[in-house]
């Protein structure tokens, strides 16, 4: 009985090692662009982050790039500035007839 238990445990251990090895290597078949597609996600799985770090991939916009594009700076001499909104999107203010400031 002890030999059967020993062989069963040994078989279970070998099966576990094989399955862990298969799970660890499945990302090796993914292309760099496949991995970069995940980098724009709000929740990136740790194993994908680890694979991107291991391959030293630089991602931008969901694809692999060799350099990052130059971004626009919104820093001005008086602090952070933002582009003005489209004037056609701003509703016109209508004064209240009972207001002391009506024109």
N, C-alpha and C. Protein backbone atom coordinates (compact mmCIF):
# COMPACT_ATOMS: atom_id res chain seq x y z
N UNK A 1 0.81 -1.19 0.00
CA UNK A 1 0.00 0.00 0.00
C UNK A 1 0.86 1.26 0.00
N UNK A 2 1.96 1.23 0.70
CA UNK A 2 2.83 2.39 0.75
C UNK A 2 3.48 2.67 -0.60
N UNK A 3 3.78 1.60 -1.36
CA UNK A 3 4.38 1.79 -2.67
C UNK A 3 3.38 2.44 -3.62
N UNK A 4 2.11 2.07 -3.54
CA UNK A 4 1.09 2.67 -4.40
C UNK A 4 0.95 4.16 -4.10
N UNK A 5 0.95 4.49 -2.81
CA UNK A 5 0.85 5.88 -2.41
C UNK A 5 2.07 6.66 -2.87
N UNK A 6 3.24 6.07 -2.72
CA UNK A 6 4.48 6.71 -3.15
C UNK A 6 4.47 6.96 -4.66
N UNK A 7 4.08 5.97 -5.44
CA UNK A 7 4.03 6.14 -6.90
C UNK A 7 2.96 7.16 -7.31
N UNK A 8 1.85 7.18 -6.60
CA UNK A 8 0.80 8.16 -6.89
C UNK A 8 1.29 9.58 -6.62
N UNK A 9 1.95 9.77 -5.50
CA UNK A 9 2.48 11.09 -5.17
C UNK A 9 3.58 11.51 -6.15
N UNK A 10 4.42 10.56 -6.53
CA UNK A 10 5.48 10.86 -7.49
C UNK A 10 4.88 11.25 -8.84
N UNK A 11 3.86 10.53 -9.28
CA UNK A 11 3.19 10.86 -10.53
C UNK A 11 2.51 12.22 -10.47
N UNK A 12 1.88 12.51 -9.34
CA UNK A 12 1.24 13.80 -9.15
C UNK A 12 2.28 14.93 -9.18
N UNK A 13 3.40 14.74 -8.53
CA UNK A 13 4.47 15.74 -8.51
C UNK A 13 5.03 15.98 -9.91
N UNK A 14 5.27 14.92 -10.66
CA UNK A 14 5.80 15.06 -12.03
C UNK A 14 4.77 15.78 -12.91
N UNK A 15 3.50 15.44 -12.77
CA UNK A 15 2.45 16.11 -13.53
C UNK A 15 2.36 17.59 -13.19
N UNK A 16 2.53 17.91 -11.92
CA UNK A 16 2.52 19.31 -11.49
C UNK A 16 3.69 20.07 -12.09
N UNK A 17 4.87 19.49 -12.08
CA UNK A 17 6.04 20.14 -12.67
C UNK A 17 5.86 20.39 -14.16
N UNK A 18 5.31 19.43 -14.86
CA UNK A 18 5.09 19.58 -16.31
C UNK A 18 4.07 20.69 -16.58
N UNK A 19 3.00 20.73 -15.80
CA UNK A 19 1.98 21.76 -16.04
C UNK A 19 2.49 23.15 -15.69
N UNK A 20 3.28 23.28 -14.63
CA UNK A 20 3.85 24.58 -14.28
C UNK A 20 4.83 25.05 -15.35
N UNK A 21 5.61 24.15 -15.91
CA UNK A 21 6.55 24.50 -16.97
C UNK A 21 5.79 24.96 -18.22
N UNK A 22 4.70 24.30 -18.54
CA UNK A 22 3.92 24.68 -19.71
C UNK A 22 3.28 26.04 -19.52
N UNK A 23 2.78 26.34 -18.31
CA UNK A 23 2.17 27.63 -18.05
C UNK A 23 3.20 28.75 -18.06
N UNK A 24 4.41 28.49 -17.62
CA UNK A 24 5.44 29.52 -17.57
C UNK A 24 5.94 29.88 -18.96
N UNK A 25 5.86 28.96 -19.91
CA UNK A 25 6.42 29.21 -21.24
C UNK A 25 5.41 29.66 -22.29
N UNK A 26 4.13 29.76 -21.95
CA UNK A 26 3.16 30.08 -22.99
C UNK A 26 3.33 31.51 -23.52
N UNK A 27 3.86 32.43 -22.72
CA UNK A 27 4.07 33.80 -23.20
C UNK A 27 5.26 33.90 -24.14
N UNK A 28 6.11 32.90 -24.17
CA UNK A 28 7.26 32.94 -25.06
C UNK A 28 6.83 32.87 -26.53
N UNK A 29 5.62 32.39 -26.78
CA UNK A 29 5.11 32.33 -28.15
C UNK A 29 4.42 33.62 -28.57
N UNK A 30 4.19 34.53 -27.65
CA UNK A 30 3.54 35.80 -27.97
C UNK A 30 4.54 36.75 -28.62
N UNK A 31 4.06 37.55 -29.59
CA UNK A 31 4.92 38.56 -30.20
C UNK A 31 5.01 39.76 -29.26
N UNK A 32 5.98 40.62 -29.52
CA UNK A 32 6.13 41.82 -28.71
C UNK A 32 4.91 42.72 -28.82
N UNK A 33 4.32 42.81 -30.02
CA UNK A 33 3.12 43.63 -30.20
C UNK A 33 1.94 43.04 -29.44
N UNK A 34 1.85 41.71 -29.34
CA UNK A 34 0.79 41.09 -28.56
C UNK A 34 0.90 41.51 -27.10
N UNK A 35 2.12 41.51 -26.58
CA UNK A 35 2.33 41.93 -25.19
C UNK A 35 2.07 43.42 -25.02
N UNK A 36 2.49 44.24 -25.98
CA UNK A 36 2.28 45.69 -25.89
C UNK A 36 0.80 46.04 -25.94
N UNK A 37 0.00 45.21 -26.59
CA UNK A 37 -1.43 45.45 -26.63
C UNK A 37 -2.05 45.46 -25.24
N UNK A 38 -1.46 44.72 -24.32
CA UNK A 38 -1.94 44.69 -22.94
C UNK A 38 -1.51 45.90 -22.14
N UNK A 39 -0.47 46.60 -22.58
CA UNK A 39 0.10 47.67 -21.78
C UNK A 39 -0.80 48.90 -21.70
N UNK A 40 -1.78 49.03 -22.60
CA UNK A 40 -2.74 50.14 -22.54
C UNK A 40 -3.95 49.79 -21.69
N UNK A 41 -3.98 48.57 -21.16
CA UNK A 41 -5.10 48.12 -20.36
C UNK A 41 -5.06 48.76 -18.98
N UNK A 42 -6.23 48.88 -18.36
CA UNK A 42 -6.28 49.45 -17.01
C UNK A 42 -5.78 48.45 -15.97
N UNK A 43 -5.88 47.17 -16.25
CA UNK A 43 -5.43 46.13 -15.33
C UNK A 43 -4.54 45.16 -16.10
N UNK A 44 -3.24 45.27 -15.89
CA UNK A 44 -2.27 44.44 -16.62
C UNK A 44 -1.86 43.27 -15.73
N UNK A 45 -2.05 42.03 -16.20
CA UNK A 45 -1.64 40.87 -15.40
C UNK A 45 -0.14 40.89 -15.11
N UNK A 46 0.23 40.45 -13.92
CA UNK A 46 1.62 40.48 -13.49
C UNK A 46 2.52 39.66 -14.40
N UNK A 47 2.04 38.52 -14.89
CA UNK A 47 2.90 37.69 -15.74
C UNK A 47 3.21 38.41 -17.07
N UNK A 48 2.30 39.23 -17.56
CA UNK A 48 2.57 39.98 -18.79
C UNK A 48 3.55 41.11 -18.51
N UNK A 49 3.40 41.80 -17.38
CA UNK A 49 4.36 42.84 -16.99
C UNK A 49 5.76 42.25 -16.84
N UNK A 50 5.84 41.07 -16.22
CA UNK A 50 7.14 40.41 -16.05
C UNK A 50 7.77 40.06 -17.40
N UNK A 51 6.95 39.59 -18.35
CA UNK A 51 7.47 39.21 -19.67
C UNK A 51 7.95 40.44 -20.44
N UNK A 52 7.23 41.55 -20.34
CA UNK A 52 7.64 42.80 -21.01
C UNK A 52 8.95 43.29 -20.41
N UNK A 53 9.07 43.23 -19.09
CA UNK A 53 10.33 43.62 -18.44
C UNK A 53 11.47 42.69 -18.84
N UNK A 54 11.19 41.39 -18.89
CA UNK A 54 12.23 40.42 -19.24
C UNK A 54 12.75 40.65 -20.66
N UNK A 55 11.82 40.95 -21.59
CA UNK A 55 12.22 41.20 -22.98
C UNK A 55 12.73 42.62 -23.21
N UNK A 56 12.57 43.49 -22.20
CA UNK A 56 12.98 44.90 -22.30
C UNK A 56 12.31 45.59 -23.49
N UNK A 57 10.98 45.44 -23.58
CA UNK A 57 10.19 46.00 -24.68
C UNK A 57 9.75 47.41 -24.31
N UNK A 58 9.80 48.33 -25.26
CA UNK A 58 9.29 49.69 -25.10
C UNK A 58 7.99 49.78 -25.88
N UNK A 59 6.89 50.02 -25.18
CA UNK A 59 5.56 50.02 -25.81
C UNK A 59 4.98 51.43 -25.82
N UNK A 60 4.26 51.75 -26.90
CA UNK A 60 3.52 53.01 -26.99
C UNK A 60 2.33 52.78 -27.91
N UNK A 61 1.14 53.10 -27.43
CA UNK A 61 -0.06 52.95 -28.24
C UNK A 61 -0.39 51.51 -28.58
N UNK A 62 0.04 50.58 -27.76
CA UNK A 62 -0.29 49.18 -27.97
C UNK A 62 0.63 48.43 -28.91
N UNK A 63 1.72 49.07 -29.36
CA UNK A 63 2.70 48.40 -30.23
C UNK A 63 4.11 48.66 -29.71
N UNK A 64 5.04 47.84 -30.17
CA UNK A 64 6.43 48.02 -29.78
C UNK A 64 7.05 49.15 -30.59
N UNK A 65 7.78 50.04 -29.92
CA UNK A 65 8.46 51.15 -30.58
C UNK A 65 9.92 51.16 -30.14
N UNK A 66 10.76 51.80 -30.97
CA UNK A 66 12.17 51.90 -30.60
C UNK A 66 12.44 53.12 -29.73
N UNK A 67 11.65 54.20 -29.91
CA UNK A 67 11.75 55.39 -29.07
C UNK A 67 10.35 55.92 -28.80
N UNK A 68 10.19 56.62 -27.71
CA UNK A 68 8.91 57.23 -27.40
C UNK A 68 8.78 58.56 -28.15
N UNK A 69 7.58 58.87 -28.66
CA UNK A 69 7.41 60.14 -29.36
C UNK A 69 7.49 61.31 -28.37
N UNK A 70 7.89 62.46 -28.89
CA UNK A 70 7.97 63.66 -28.06
C UNK A 70 6.54 64.11 -27.75
N UNK A 71 6.26 64.34 -26.49
CA UNK A 71 4.91 64.74 -26.10
C UNK A 71 4.83 66.25 -25.92
N UNK A 72 3.62 66.79 -26.08
CA UNK A 72 3.40 68.21 -25.87
C UNK A 72 3.49 68.50 -24.38
N UNK A 73 4.13 69.60 -24.05
CA UNK A 73 4.23 70.00 -22.66
C UNK A 73 3.17 71.05 -22.37
N UNK A 74 2.52 70.90 -21.26
CA UNK A 74 1.52 71.87 -20.84
C UNK A 74 2.05 72.72 -19.69
N UNK A 75 3.36 72.84 -19.60
CA UNK A 75 3.98 73.66 -18.57
C UNK A 75 4.28 75.04 -19.15
N UNK A 76 3.80 76.06 -18.48
CA UNK A 76 4.06 77.43 -18.88
C UNK A 76 4.83 78.15 -17.79
N UNK A 77 5.12 79.42 -18.00
CA UNK A 77 5.89 80.15 -16.99
C UNK A 77 5.06 80.40 -15.73
N UNK A 78 3.73 80.33 -15.85
CA UNK A 78 2.86 80.55 -14.70
C UNK A 78 2.25 79.26 -14.17
N UNK A 79 2.79 78.12 -14.53
CA UNK A 79 2.28 76.85 -14.06
C UNK A 79 1.73 76.02 -15.21
N UNK A 80 0.89 75.07 -14.88
CA UNK A 80 0.32 74.18 -15.87
C UNK A 80 -0.76 74.90 -16.66
N UNK A 81 -0.71 74.78 -17.97
CA UNK A 81 -1.71 75.38 -18.84
C UNK A 81 -2.35 74.27 -19.68
N UNK A 82 -3.57 74.48 -20.07
CA UNK A 82 -4.29 73.51 -20.88
C UNK A 82 -4.83 74.22 -22.12
N UNK A 83 -5.00 73.50 -23.22
CA UNK A 83 -5.55 74.13 -24.41
C UNK A 83 -6.97 74.63 -24.15
N UNK A 84 -7.31 75.76 -24.78
CA UNK A 84 -8.64 76.33 -24.61
C UNK A 84 -9.68 75.45 -25.28
N UNK A 85 -10.88 75.37 -24.70
CA UNK A 85 -11.94 74.59 -25.33
C UNK A 85 -12.47 75.30 -26.57
N UNK A 86 -13.13 74.56 -27.41
CA UNK A 86 -13.75 75.13 -28.61
C UNK A 86 -14.85 76.10 -28.16
N UNK A 87 -14.79 77.38 -28.59
CA UNK A 87 -15.80 78.36 -28.15
C UNK A 87 -17.22 77.97 -28.51
N UNK A 88 -17.41 77.21 -29.59
CA UNK A 88 -18.77 76.83 -29.97
C UNK A 88 -19.39 75.84 -28.98
N UNK A 89 -18.58 75.23 -28.12
CA UNK A 89 -19.09 74.28 -27.14
C UNK A 89 -19.52 74.94 -25.83
N UNK A 90 -19.18 76.22 -25.65
CA UNK A 90 -19.50 76.92 -24.42
C UNK A 90 -20.88 77.57 -24.58
N UNK A 91 -21.84 77.23 -23.72
CA UNK A 91 -23.18 77.82 -23.85
C UNK A 91 -23.17 79.31 -23.47
N UNK A 92 -24.04 80.07 -24.11
CA UNK A 92 -24.12 81.50 -23.83
C UNK A 92 -24.89 81.70 -22.53
N UNK A 93 -24.39 82.57 -21.67
CA UNK A 93 -25.05 82.85 -20.40
C UNK A 93 -26.26 83.74 -20.63
N UNK A 94 -27.38 83.40 -20.03
CA UNK A 94 -28.62 84.18 -20.14
C UNK A 94 -28.84 84.86 -18.79
N UNK A 95 -28.88 86.21 -18.77
CA UNK A 95 -29.05 86.90 -17.48
C UNK A 95 -30.45 86.70 -16.93
N UNK A 96 -30.54 86.70 -15.63
CA UNK A 96 -31.83 86.58 -14.95
C UNK A 96 -32.52 87.94 -14.97
N UNK A 97 -33.79 87.99 -15.33
CA UNK A 97 -34.52 89.26 -15.45
C UNK A 97 -34.67 89.96 -14.10
N UNK A 98 -34.69 89.21 -13.02
CA UNK A 98 -34.88 89.80 -11.70
C UNK A 98 -33.56 90.14 -11.01
N UNK A 99 -32.47 89.93 -11.69
CA UNK A 99 -31.16 90.15 -11.10
C UNK A 99 -30.83 91.63 -11.10
N UNK A 100 -30.09 92.08 -10.11
CA UNK A 100 -29.65 93.47 -10.05
C UNK A 100 -28.61 93.76 -11.11
N UNK A 101 -28.04 92.71 -11.65
CA UNK A 101 -26.98 92.87 -12.66
C UNK A 101 -27.48 92.65 -14.06
N UNK A 102 -28.79 92.65 -14.29
CA UNK A 102 -29.30 92.42 -15.65
C UNK A 102 -29.02 93.63 -16.52
N UNK A 103 -28.82 93.40 -17.77
CA UNK A 103 -28.43 94.48 -18.69
C UNK A 103 -29.58 94.92 -19.51
